[in-house]
């Protein structure tokens, strides 16, 4: 009787399967794991969904606030600036209204009485 799965064939199949799995493991390591590790080691961010390495953008470059200033401090400073601007605009409106009132009285004083 001639058997298909002899000890030599089974050994060859296991060796072939092992070799195929090892090659697959090295391919996964080389093309899937190593790019992420290299990206993280270089200080950049690994974007897993797109499998890309991206450079993080420094937040003060976007917001324009000074380095080391917290968001709360920057917000408080901007609020103080806005209050100062609103106060200046209020004084300008009051000065304009007073000038209009002064000019109106001067104009009414020049009108002849009827």
PDB file of N, CA and C in Angstrom:
ATOM      1  N   UNK A   1       0.826  -1.173   0.000  1.00  0.00           N
ATOM      2  CA  UNK A   1       0.000   0.000   0.000  1.00  0.00           C
ATOM      3  C   UNK A   1       0.874   1.242   0.000  1.00  0.00           C
ATOM      4  N   UNK A   2       0.549   2.195  -0.880  1.00  0.00           N
ATOM      5  CA  UNK A   2       1.311   3.407  -1.049  1.00  0.00           C
ATOM      6  C   UNK A   2       0.592   4.543  -0.326  1.00  0.00           C
ATOM      7  N   UNK A   3       1.233   5.084   0.680  1.00  0.00           N
ATOM      8  CA  UNK A   3       0.594   6.164   1.453  1.00  0.00           C
ATOM      9  C   UNK A   3       1.025   7.534   0.914  1.00  0.00           C
ATOM     10  N   UNK A   4       0.065   8.463   0.944  1.00  0.00           N
ATOM     11  CA  UNK A   4       0.337   9.816   0.467  1.00  0.00           C
ATOM     12  C   UNK A   4       1.127  10.615   1.506  1.00  0.00           C
ATOM     13  N   UNK A   5       0.707  10.538   2.775  1.00  0.00           N
ATOM     14  CA  UNK A   5       1.360  11.313   3.828  1.00  0.00           C
ATOM     15  C   UNK A   5       2.355  10.442   4.584  1.00  0.00           C
ATOM     16  N   UNK A   6       3.520  10.378   4.062  1.00  0.00           N
ATOM     17  CA  UNK A   6       4.573   9.646   4.743  1.00  0.00           C
ATOM     18  C   UNK A   6       5.258  10.590   5.723  1.00  0.00           C
ATOM     19  N   UNK A   7       6.110  10.066   6.572  1.00  0.00           N
ATOM     20  CA  UNK A   7       6.811  10.875   7.565  1.00  0.00           C
ATOM     21  C   UNK A   7       7.669  11.938   6.881  1.00  0.00           C
ATOM     22  N   UNK A   8       8.281  11.571   5.772  1.00  0.00           N
ATOM     23  CA  UNK A   8       9.118  12.515   5.053  1.00  0.00           C
ATOM     24  C   UNK A   8       8.276  13.656   4.462  1.00  0.00           C
ATOM     25  N   UNK A   9       7.123  13.341   3.901  1.00  0.00           N
ATOM     26  CA  UNK A   9       6.246  14.376   3.341  1.00  0.00           C
ATOM     27  C   UNK A   9       5.670  15.264   4.441  1.00  0.00           C
ATOM     28  N   UNK A  10       5.261  14.672   5.554  1.00  0.00           N
ATOM     29  CA  UNK A  10       4.726  15.465   6.667  1.00  0.00           C
ATOM     30  C   UNK A  10       5.804  16.409   7.197  1.00  0.00           C
ATOM     31  N   UNK A  11       7.024  15.909   7.333  1.00  0.00           N
ATOM     32  CA  UNK A  11       8.136  16.758   7.766  1.00  0.00           C
ATOM     33  C   UNK A  11       8.383  17.891   6.790  1.00  0.00           C
ATOM     34  N   UNK A  12       8.331  17.605   5.512  1.00  0.00           N
ATOM     35  CA  UNK A  12       8.508  18.631   4.490  1.00  0.00           C
ATOM     36  C   UNK A  12       7.394  19.660   4.519  1.00  0.00           C
ATOM     37  N   UNK A  13       6.146  19.201   4.726  1.00  0.00           N
ATOM     38  CA  UNK A  13       5.018  20.126   4.820  1.00  0.00           C
ATOM     39  C   UNK A  13       5.170  21.046   6.028  1.00  0.00           C
ATOM     40  N   UNK A  14       5.526  20.470   7.171  1.00  0.00           N
ATOM     41  CA  UNK A  14       5.708  21.295   8.366  1.00  0.00           C
ATOM     42  C   UNK A  14       6.865  22.280   8.184  1.00  0.00           C
ATOM     43  N   UNK A  15       7.970  21.821   7.607  1.00  0.00           N
ATOM     44  CA  UNK A  15       9.086  22.719   7.358  1.00  0.00           C
ATOM     45  C   UNK A  15       8.693  23.826   6.379  1.00  0.00           C
ATOM     46  N   UNK A  16       7.976  23.489   5.322  1.00  0.00           N
ATOM     47  CA  UNK A  16       7.518  24.495   4.358  1.00  0.00           C
ATOM     48  C   UNK A  16       6.564  25.497   4.995  1.00  0.00           C
ATOM     49  N   UNK A  17       5.622  24.983   5.803  1.00  0.00           N
ATOM     50  CA  UNK A  17       4.685  25.863   6.492  1.00  0.00           C
ATOM     51  C   UNK A  17       5.415  26.780   7.473  1.00  0.00           C
ATOM     52  N   UNK A  18       6.389  26.215   8.200  1.00  0.00           N
ATOM     53  CA  UNK A  18       7.181  27.013   9.131  1.00  0.00           C
ATOM     54  C   UNK A  18       7.972  28.090   8.388  1.00  0.00           C
ATOM     55  N   UNK A  19       8.586  27.735   7.275  1.00  0.00           N
ATOM     56  CA  UNK A  19       9.351  28.696   6.494  1.00  0.00           C
ATOM     57  C   UNK A  19       8.445  29.799   5.947  1.00  0.00           C
ATOM     58  N   UNK A  20       7.246  29.429   5.480  1.00  0.00           N
ATOM     59  CA  UNK A  20       6.295  30.403   4.967  1.00  0.00           C
ATOM     60  C   UNK A  20       5.837  31.361   6.071  1.00  0.00           C
ATOM     61  N   UNK A  21       5.560  30.825   7.261  1.00  0.00           N
ATOM     62  CA  UNK A  21       5.153  31.667   8.384  1.00  0.00           C
ATOM     63  C   UNK A  21       6.283  32.604   8.822  1.00  0.00           C
ATOM     64  N   UNK A  22       7.514  32.116   8.813  1.00  0.00           N
ATOM     65  CA  UNK A  22       8.648  32.959   9.195  1.00  0.00           C
ATOM     66  C   UNK A  22       8.862  34.080   8.185  1.00  0.00           C
ATOM     67  N   UNK A  23       8.739  33.789   6.910  1.00  0.00           N
ATOM     68  CA  UNK A  23       8.854  34.828   5.891  1.00  0.00           C
ATOM     69  C   UNK A  23       7.734  35.850   6.069  1.00  0.00           C
ATOM     70  N   UNK A  24       6.523  35.388   6.318  1.00  0.00           N
ATOM     71  CA  UNK A  24       5.396  36.296   6.570  1.00  0.00           C
ATOM     72  C   UNK A  24       5.638  37.161   7.799  1.00  0.00           C
ATOM     73  N   UNK A  25       6.207  36.560   8.838  1.00  0.00           N
ATOM     74  CA  UNK A  25       6.493  37.307  10.057  1.00  0.00           C
ATOM     75  C   UNK A  25       7.531  38.392   9.786  1.00  0.00           C
ATOM     76  N   UNK A  26       8.572  38.091   9.051  1.00  0.00           N
ATOM     77  CA  UNK A  26       9.580  39.093   8.727  1.00  0.00           C
ATOM     78  C   UNK A  26       9.009  40.192   7.835  1.00  0.00           C
ATOM     79  N   UNK A  27       8.134  39.836   6.932  1.00  0.00           N
ATOM     80  CA  UNK A  27       7.509  40.850   6.067  1.00  0.00           C
ATOM     81  C   UNK A  27       6.634  41.782   6.894  1.00  0.00           C
ATOM     82  N   UNK A  28       5.844  41.212   7.798  1.00  0.00           N
ATOM     83  CA  UNK A  28       5.002  42.047   8.662  1.00  0.00           C
ATOM     84  C   UNK A  28       5.868  42.963   9.517  1.00  0.00           C
ATOM     85  N   UNK A  29       6.938  42.411  10.078  1.00  0.00           N
ATOM     86  CA  UNK A  29       7.846  43.208  10.899  1.00  0.00           C
ATOM     87  C   UNK A  29       8.458  44.348  10.089  1.00  0.00           C
ATOM     88  N   UNK A  30       8.905  44.046   8.896  1.00  0.00           N
ATOM     89  CA  UNK A  30       9.610  45.040   8.070  1.00  0.00           C
ATOM     90  C   UNK A  30       8.682  46.121   7.534  1.00  0.00           C
ATOM     91  N   UNK A  31       7.510  45.744   7.077  1.00  0.00           N
ATOM     92  CA  UNK A  31       6.638  46.703   6.404  1.00  0.00           C
ATOM     93  C   UNK A  31       5.468  47.200   7.244  1.00  0.00           C
ATOM     94  N   UNK A  32       5.251  46.624   8.430  1.00  0.00           N
ATOM     95  CA  UNK A  32       4.112  47.043   9.237  1.00  0.00           C
ATOM     96  C   UNK A  32       4.544  47.606  10.587  1.00  0.00           C
ATOM     97  N   UNK A  33       5.466  46.944  11.266  1.00  0.00           N
ATOM     98  CA  UNK A  33       5.846  47.363  12.616  1.00  0.00           C
ATOM     99  C   UNK A  33       6.983  48.380  12.595  1.00  0.00           C
ATOM    100  N   UNK A  34       8.011  48.147  11.816  1.00  0.00           N
ATOM    101  CA  UNK A  34       9.180  49.019  11.811  1.00  0.00           C
ATOM    102  C   UNK A  34       8.881  50.461  11.394  1.00  0.00           C
ATOM    103  N   UNK A  35       8.018  50.731  10.410  1.00  0.00           N
ATOM    104  CA  UNK A  35       7.730  52.135  10.085  1.00  0.00           C
ATOM    105  C   UNK A  35       7.121  52.902  11.265  1.00  0.00           C
ATOM    106  N   UNK A  36       6.243  52.240  12.002  1.00  0.00           N
ATOM    107  CA  UNK A  36       5.640  52.897  13.158  1.00  0.00           C
ATOM    108  C   UNK A  36       6.691  53.175  14.231  1.00  0.00           C
ATOM    109  N   UNK A  37       7.538  52.213  14.511  1.00  0.00           N
ATOM    110  CA  UNK A  37       8.581  52.399  15.514  1.00  0.00           C
ATOM    111  C   UNK A  37       9.546  53.512  15.111  1.00  0.00           C
ATOM    112  N   UNK A  38       9.935  53.546  13.850  1.00  0.00           N
ATOM    113  CA  UNK A  38      10.851  54.583  13.377  1.00  0.00           C
ATOM    114  C   UNK A  38      10.208  55.965  13.463  1.00  0.00           C
ATOM    115  N   UNK A  39       8.931  56.034  13.173  1.00  0.00           N
ATOM    116  CA  UNK A  39       8.217  57.303  13.241  1.00  0.00           C
ATOM    117  C   UNK A  39       8.155  57.813  14.677  1.00  0.00           C
ATOM    118  N   UNK A  40       7.811  56.943  15.595  1.00  0.00           N
ATOM    119  CA  UNK A  40       7.696  57.334  16.998  1.00  0.00           C
ATOM    120  C   UNK A  40       9.066  57.723  17.555  1.00  0.00           C
ATOM    121  N   UNK A  41      10.114  57.006  17.170  1.00  0.00           N
ATOM    122  CA  UNK A  41      11.466  57.331  17.641  1.00  0.00           C
ATOM    123  C   UNK A  41      11.934  58.677  17.123  1.00  0.00           C
ATOM    124  N   UNK A  42      11.467  59.093  15.953  1.00  0.00           N
ATOM    125  CA  UNK A  42      11.890  60.376  15.398  1.00  0.00           C
ATOM    126  C   UNK A  42      11.095  61.538  15.982  1.00  0.00           C
ATOM    127  N   UNK A  43      10.139  61.254  16.865  1.00  0.00           N
ATOM    128  CA  UNK A  43       9.387  62.320  17.520  1.00  0.00           C
ATOM    129  C   UNK A  43       8.166  62.787  16.757  1.00  0.00           C
ATOM    130  N   UNK A  44       7.798  62.055  15.744  1.00  0.00           N
ATOM    131  CA  UNK A  44       6.604  62.419  14.983  1.00  0.00           C
ATOM    132  C   UNK A  44       5.441  61.524  15.392  1.00  0.00           C
ATOM    133  N   UNK A  45       4.280  61.723  14.784  1.00  0.00           N
ATOM    134  CA  UNK A  45       3.077  60.974  15.132  1.00  0.00           C
ATOM    135  C   UNK A  45       2.768  59.962  14.044  1.00  0.00           C
ATOM    136  N   UNK A  46       2.394  58.756  14.470  1.00  0.00           N
ATOM    137  CA  UNK A  46       2.017  57.702  13.538  1.00  0.00           C
ATOM    138  C   UNK A  46       0.511  57.749  13.362  1.00  0.00           C
ATOM    139  N   UNK A  47       0.079  57.955  12.144  1.00  0.00           N
ATOM    140  CA  UNK A  47      -1.338  57.985  11.807  1.00  0.00           C
ATOM    141  C   UNK A  47      -1.701  56.599  11.288  1.00  0.00           C
ATOM    142  N   UNK A  48      -2.285  55.777  12.168  1.00  0.00           N
ATOM    143  CA  UNK A  48      -2.494  54.360  11.869  1.00  0.00           C
ATOM    144  C   UNK A  48      -3.496  54.139  10.742  1.00  0.00           C
ATOM    145  N   UNK A  49      -4.545  54.967  10.665  1.00  0.00           N
ATOM    146  CA  UNK A  49      -5.564  54.731   9.637  1.00  0.00           C
ATOM    147  C   UNK A  49      -5.003  54.949   8.236  1.00  0.00           C
ATOM    148  N   UNK A  50      -4.148  55.933   8.083  1.00  0.00           N
ATOM    149  CA  UNK A  50      -3.551  56.191   6.777  1.00  0.00           C
ATOM    150  C   UNK A  50      -2.172  55.589   6.640  1.00  0.00           C
ATOM    151  N   UNK A  51      -1.666  55.001   7.743  1.00  0.00           N
ATOM    152  CA  UNK A  51      -0.325  54.431   7.807  1.00  0.00           C
ATOM    153  C   UNK A  51       0.713  55.422   7.304  1.00  0.00           C
ATOM    154  N   UNK A  52       0.609  56.654   7.836  1.00  0.00           N
ATOM    155  CA  UNK A  52       1.564  57.692   7.479  1.00  0.00           C
ATOM    156  C   UNK A  52       2.168  58.278   8.748  1.00  0.00           C
ATOM    157  N   UNK A  53       3.342  58.831   8.593  1.00  0.00           N
ATOM    158  CA  UNK A  53       4.052  59.480   9.685  1.00  0.00           C
ATOM    159  C   UNK A  53       3.892  60.982   9.477  1.00  0.00           C
ATOM    160  N   UNK A  54       3.316  61.665  10.443  1.00  0.00           N
ATOM    161  CA  UNK A  54       3.038  63.095  10.284  1.00  0.00           C
ATOM    162  C   UNK A  54       3.804  63.899  11.325  1.00  0.00           C
ATOM    163  N   UNK A  55       4.156  65.103  10.935  1.00  0.00           N
ATOM    164  CA  UNK A  55       4.865  66.012  11.823  1.00  0.00           C
ATOM    165  C   UNK A  55       3.842  66.785  12.649  1.00  0.00           C
ATOM    166  N   UNK A  56       3.934  66.741  13.991  1.00  0.00           N
ATOM    167  CA  UNK A  56       2.984  67.518  14.794  1.00  0.00           C
ATOM    168  C   UNK A  56       3.243  69.013  14.626  1.00  0.00           C
ATOM    169  N   UNK A  57       2.199  69.790  14.691  1.00  0.00           N
ATOM    170  CA  UNK A  57       2.311  71.234  14.560  1.00  0.00           C
ATOM    171  C   UNK A  57       2.335  71.822  15.967  1.00  0.00           C
ATOM    172  N   UNK A  58       3.307  72.671  16.228  1.00  0.00           N
ATOM    173  CA  UNK A  58       3.454  73.282  17.538  1.00  0.00           C
ATOM    174  C   UNK A  58       2.304  74.252  17.753  1.00  0.00           C
ATOM    175  N   UNK A  59       1.550  74.062  18.828  1.00  0.00           N
ATOM    176  CA  UNK A  59       0.323  74.808  19.072  1.00  0.00           C
ATOM    177  C   UNK A  59       0.529  76.323  19.125  1.00  0.00           C
ATOM    178  N   UNK A  60       1.562  76.848  19.780  1.00  0.00           N
ATOM    179  CA  UNK A  60       1.742  78.305  19.754  1.00  0.00           C
ATOM    180  C   UNK A  60       1.946  78.868  18.347  1.00  0.00           C
ATOM    181  N   UNK A  61       2.423  78.050  17.403  1.00  0.00           N
ATOM    182  CA  UNK A  61       2.534  78.528  16.027  1.00  0.00           C
ATOM    183  C   UNK A  61       1.160  78.791  15.419  1.00  0.00           C
ATOM    184  N   UNK A  62       0.164  78.040  15.852  1.00  0.00           N
ATOM    185  CA  UNK A  62      -1.191  78.210  15.326  1.00  0.00           C
ATOM    186  C   UNK A  62      -1.927  79.316  16.066  1.00  0.00           C
ATOM    187  N   UNK A  63      -1.866  79.282  17.400  1.00  0.00           N
ATOM    188  CA  UNK A  63      -2.649  80.211  18.210  1.00  0.00           C
ATOM    189  C   UNK A  63      -2.015  81.581  18.327  1.00  0.00           C
ATOM    190  N   UNK A  64      -0.694  81.648  18.161  1.00  0.00           N
ATOM    191  CA  UNK A  64      -0.016  82.927  18.270  1.00  0.00           C
ATOM    192  C   UNK A  64       0.305  83.326  19.699  1.00  0.00           C
ATOM    193  N   UNK A  65       0.005  82.486  20.660  1.00  0.00           N
ATOM    194  CA  UNK A  65       0.327  82.846  22.041  1.00  0.00           C
ATOM    195  C   UNK A  65       1.772  82.463  22.351  1.00  0.00           C
ATOM    196  N   UNK A  66       2.300  83.108  23.374  1.00  0.00           N
ATOM    197  CA  UNK A  66       3.702  82.903  23.725  1.00  0.00           C
ATOM    198  C   UNK A  66       3.926  81.491  24.263  1.00  0.00           C
ATOM    199  N   UNK A  67       5.160  81.051  24.141  1.00  0.00           N
ATOM    200  CA  UNK A  67       5.513  79.717  24.613  1.00  0.00           C
ATOM    201  C   UNK A  67       5.431  79.680  26.143  1.00  0.00           C
ATOM    202  N   UNK A  68       4.814  78.646  26.674  1.00  0.00           N
ATOM    203  CA  UNK A  68       4.703  78.479  28.114  1.00  0.00           C
ATOM    204  C   UNK A  68       3.484  79.148  28.721  1.00  0.00           C
ATOM    205  N   UNK A  69       2.688  79.837  27.928  1.00  0.00           N
ATOM    206  CA  UNK A  69       1.484  80.493  28.430  1.00  0.00           C
ATOM    207  C   UNK A  69       0.318  79.523  28.278  1.00  0.00           C
ATOM    208  N   UNK A  70      -0.396  79.321  29.377  1.00  0.00           N
ATOM    209  CA  UNK A  70      -1.516  78.378  29.317  1.00  0.00           C
ATOM    210  C   UNK A  70      -2.686  79.000  28.561  1.00  0.00           C
ATOM    211  N   UNK A  71      -3.627  78.154  28.210  1.00  0.00           N
ATOM    212  CA  UNK A  71      -4.805  78.624  27.482  1.00  0.00           C
ATOM    213  C   UNK A  71      -5.616  79.586  28.337  1.00  0.00           C
ATOM    214  N   UNK A  72      -5.722  79.307  29.642  1.00  0.00           N
ATOM    215  CA  UNK A  72      -6.479  80.177  30.538  1.00  0.00           C
ATOM    216  C   UNK A  72      -5.813  81.547  30.656  1.00  0.00           C
ATOM    217  N   UNK A  73      -4.486  81.563  30.773  1.00  0.00           N
ATOM    218  CA  UNK A  73      -3.777  82.839  30.862  1.00  0.00           C
ATOM    219  C   UNK A  73      -3.931  83.647  29.584  1.00  0.00           C
ATOM    220  N   UNK A  74      -3.797  82.981  28.441  1.00  0.00           N
ATOM    221  CA  UNK A  74      -3.939  83.673  27.156  1.00  0.00           C
ATOM    222  C   UNK A  74      -5.363  84.199  26.990  1.00  0.00           C
ATOM    223  N   UNK A  75      -6.346  83.420  27.419  1.00  0.00           N
ATOM    224  CA  UNK A  75      -7.740  83.858  27.323  1.00  0.00           C
ATOM    225  C   UNK A  75      -7.991  85.064  28.229  1.00  0.00           C
ATOM    226  N   UNK A  76      -7.437  85.028  29.444  1.00  0.00           N
ATOM    227  CA  UNK A  76      -7.603  86.155  30.364  1.00  0.00           C
ATOM    228  C   UNK A  76      -6.958  87.413  29.788  1.00  0.00           C
ATOM    229  N   UNK A  77      -5.791  87.285  29.178  1.00  0.00           N
ATOM    230  CA  UNK A  77      -5.117  88.427  28.567  1.00  0.00           C
ATOM    231  C   UNK A  77      -5.948  88.987  27.413  1.00  0.00           C
ATOM    232  N   UNK A  78      -6.495  88.123  26.578  1.00  0.00           N
ATOM    233  CA  UNK A  78      -7.330  88.601  25.473  1.00  0.00           C
ATOM    234  C   UNK A  78      -8.590  89.273  25.999  1.00  0.00           C
ATOM    235  N   UNK A  79      -9.167  88.733  27.082  1.00  0.00           N
ATOM    236  CA  UNK A  79     -10.350  89.366  27.669  1.00  0.00           C
ATOM    237  C   UNK A  79     -10.014  90.754  28.201  1.00  0.00           C
ATOM    238  N   UNK A  80      -8.836  90.915  28.842  1.00  0.00           N
ATOM    239  CA  UNK A  80      -8.432  92.237  29.320  1.00  0.00           C
ATOM    240  C   UNK A  80      -8.264  93.198  28.148  1.00  0.00           C
ATOM    241  N   UNK A  81      -7.680  92.713  27.051  1.00  0.00           N
ATOM    242  CA  UNK A  81      -7.526  93.565  25.871  1.00  0.00           C
ATOM    243  C   UNK A  81      -8.875  93.961  25.292  1.00  0.00           C
ATOM    244  N   UNK A  82      -9.819  93.029  25.260  1.00  0.00           N
ATOM    245  CA  UNK A  82     -11.153  93.348  24.734  1.00  0.00           C
ATOM    246  C   UNK A  82     -11.869  94.358  25.620  1.00  0.00           C
ATOM    247  N   UNK A  83     -11.736  94.217  26.936  1.00  0.00           N
ATOM    248  CA  UNK A  83     -12.363  95.177  27.858  1.00  0.00           C
ATOM    249  C   UNK A  83     -11.747  96.555  27.655  1.00  0.00           C
ATOM    250  N   UNK A  84     -10.425  96.615  27.464  1.00  0.00           N
ATOM    251  CA  UNK A  84      -9.768  97.904  27.225  1.00  0.00           C
ATOM    252  C   UNK A  84     -10.266  98.528  25.923  1.00  0.00           C
ATOM    253  N   UNK A  85     -10.429  97.728  24.885  1.00  0.00           N
ATOM    254  CA  UNK A  85     -10.938  98.239  23.608  1.00  0.00           C
ATOM    255  C   UNK A  85     -12.371  98.736  23.766  1.00  0.00           C
ATOM    256  N   UNK A  86     -13.197  97.964  24.476  1.00  0.00           N
ATOM    257  CA  UNK A  86     -14.592  98.387  24.693  1.00  0.00           C
ATOM    258  C   UNK A  86     -14.655  99.681  25.497  1.00  0.00           C
ATOM    259  N   UNK A  87     -13.793  99.823  26.509  1.00  0.00           N
ATOM    260  CA  UNK A  87     -13.761 101.060  27.296  1.00  0.00           C
ATOM    261  C   UNK A  87     -13.335 102.245  26.432  1.00  0.00           C
ATOM    262  N   UNK A  88     -12.325 102.045  25.574  1.00  0.00           N
ATOM    263  CA  UNK A  88     -11.872 103.116  24.693  1.00  0.00           C
ATOM    264  C   UNK A  88     -12.976 103.523  23.720  1.00  0.00           C
ATOM    265  N   UNK A  89     -13.684 102.522  23.163  1.00  0.00           N
ATOM    266  CA  UNK A  89     -14.789 102.836  22.245  1.00  0.00           C
ATOM    267  C   UNK A  89     -15.914 103.563  22.962  1.00  0.00           C
ATOM    268  N   UNK A  90     -16.177 103.188  24.214  1.00  0.00           N
ATOM    269  CA  UNK A  90     -17.221 103.859  24.988  1.00  0.00           C
ATOM    270  C   UNK A  90     -16.846 105.315  25.238  1.00  0.00           C
ATOM    271  N   UNK A  91     -15.574 105.582  25.590  1.00  0.00           N
ATOM    272  CA  UNK A  91     -15.122 106.952  25.801  1.00  0.00           C
ATOM    273  C   UNK A  91     -15.196 107.747  24.497  1.00  0.00           C
ATOM    274  N   UNK A  92     -14.842 107.107  23.371  1.00  0.00           N
ATOM    275  CA  UNK A  92     -14.933 107.808  22.085  1.00  0.00           C
ATOM    276  C   UNK A  92     -16.380 108.149  21.743  1.00  0.00           C
ATOM    277  N   UNK A  93     -17.306 107.216  22.000  1.00  0.00           N
ATOM    278  CA  UNK A  93     -18.732 107.492  21.733  1.00  0.00           C
ATOM    279  C   UNK A  93     -19.242 108.628  22.618  1.00  0.00           C
ATOM    280  N   UNK A  94     -18.840 108.593  23.905  1.00  0.00           N
ATOM    281  CA  UNK A  94     -19.265 109.656  24.822  1.00  0.00           C
ATOM    282  C   UNK A  94     -18.686 111.000  24.411  1.00  0.00           C
ATOM    283  N   UNK A  95     -17.417 111.012  23.992  1.00  0.00           N
ATOM    284  CA  UNK A  95     -16.794 112.258  23.542  1.00  0.00           C
ATOM    285  C   UNK A  95     -17.474 112.761  22.271  1.00  0.00           C
ATOM    286  N   UNK A  96     -17.798 111.856  21.362  1.00  0.00           N
ATOM    287  CA  UNK A  96     -18.488 112.241  20.130  1.00  0.00           C
ATOM    288  C   UNK A  96     -19.872 112.802  20.446  1.00  0.00           C
ATOM    289  N   UNK A  97     -20.595 112.157  21.377  1.00  0.00           N
ATOM    290  CA  UNK A  97     -21.925 112.645  21.753  1.00  0.00           C
ATOM    291  C   UNK A  97     -21.817 114.014  22.425  1.00  0.00           C
ATOM    292  N   UNK A  98     -20.805 114.213  23.274  1.00  0.00           N
ATOM    293  CA  UNK A  98     -20.628 115.517  23.927  1.00  0.00           C
ATOM    294  C   UNK A  98     -20.280 116.575  22.897  1.00  0.00           C
ATOM    295  N   UNK A  99     -19.438 116.230  21.900  1.00  0.00           N
ATOM    296  CA  UNK A  99     -19.083 117.198  20.858  1.00  0.00           C
ATOM    297  C   UNK A  99     -20.309 117.550  20.026  1.00  0.00           C
ATOM    298  N   UNK A 100     -21.133 116.568  19.726  1.00  0.00           N
ATOM    299  CA  UNK A 100     -22.360 116.834  18.954  1.00  0.00           C
ATOM    300  C   UNK A 100     -23.275 117.749  19.753  1.00  0.00           C
ATOM    301  N   UNK A 101     -23.429 117.488  21.032  1.00  0.00           N
ATOM    302  CA  UNK A 101     -24.293 118.301  21.886  1.00  0.00           C
ATOM    303  C   UNK A 101     -23.750 119.733  21.991  1.00  0.00           C
ATOM    304  N   UNK A 102     -22.432 119.885  22.141  1.00  0.00           N
ATOM    305  CA  UNK A 102     -21.793 121.201  22.213  1.00  0.00           C
ATOM    306  C   UNK A 102     -21.981 121.950  20.898  1.00  0.00           C
ATOM    307  N   UNK A 103     -21.795 121.266  19.780  1.00  0.00           N
ATOM    308  CA  UNK A 103     -21.972 121.911  18.468  1.00  0.00           C
ATOM    309  C   UNK A 103     -23.433 122.294  18.246  1.00  0.00           C
ATOM    310  N   UNK A 104     -24.351 121.442  18.718  1.00  0.00           N
ATOM    311  CA  UNK A 104     -25.780 121.737  18.562  1.00  0.00           C
ATOM    312  C   UNK A 104     -26.143 122.993  19.352  1.00  0.00           C
ATOM    313  N   UNK A 105     -25.638 123.110  20.574  1.00  0.00           N
ATOM    314  CA  UNK A 105     -25.935 124.295  21.396  1.00  0.00           C
ATOM    315  C   UNK A 105     -25.326 125.539  20.778  1.00  0.00           C
ATOM    316  N   UNK A 106     -24.110 125.411  20.237  1.00  0.00           N
ATOM    317  CA  UNK A 106     -23.473 126.569  19.591  1.00  0.00           C
ATOM    318  C   UNK A 106     -24.256 126.970  18.349  1.00  0.00           C
ATOM    319  N   UNK A 107     -24.747 126.017  17.608  1.00  0.00           N
ATOM    320  CA  UNK A 107     -25.527 126.308  16.407  1.00  0.00           C
ATOM    321  C   UNK A 107     -26.857 126.953  16.781  1.00  0.00           C
ATOM    322  N   UNK A 108     -27.495 126.417  17.826  1.00  0.00           N
ATOM    323  CA  UNK A 108     -28.790 126.987  18.256  1.00  0.00           C
ATOM    324  C   UNK A 108     -28.609 128.402  18.795  1.00  0.00           C
ATOM    325  N   UNK A 109     -27.443 128.691  19.376  1.00  0.00           N
ATOM    326  CA  UNK A 109     -27.209 130.043  19.893  1.00  0.00           C
ATOM    327  C   UNK A 109     -27.025 131.036  18.746  1.00  0.00           C
ATOM    328  N   UNK A 110     -26.569 130.593  17.607  1.00  0.00           N
ATOM    329  CA  UNK A 110     -26.368 131.476  16.449  1.00  0.00           C
ATOM    330  C   UNK A 110     -27.673 131.734  15.691  1.00  0.00           C
ATOM    331  N   UNK A 111     -28.672 130.900  15.864  1.00  0.00           N
ATOM    332  CA  UNK A 111     -29.925 131.076  15.115  1.00  0.00           C
ATOM    333  C   UNK A 111     -30.658 132.316  15.624  1.00  0.00           C
ATOM    334  N   UNK A 112     -31.248 133.047  14.681  1.00  0.00           N
ATOM    335  CA  UNK A 112     -32.037 134.215  15.138  1.00  0.00           C
ATOM    336  C   UNK A 112     -33.350 133.747  15.760  1.00  0.00           C
ATOM    337  N   UNK A 113     -33.804 134.492  16.736  1.00  0.00           N
ATOM    338  CA  UNK A 113     -35.064 134.154  17.402  1.00  0.00           C
ATOM    339  C   UNK A 113     -36.221 134.539  16.515  1.00  0.00           C
ATOM    340  N   UNK A 114     -37.230 133.758  16.438  1.00  0.00           N
ATOM    341  CA  UNK A 114     -38.391 134.035  15.613  1.00  0.00           C
ATOM    342  C   UNK A 114     -39.565 134.421  16.458  1.00  0.00           C
TER     343      UNK A 114
END
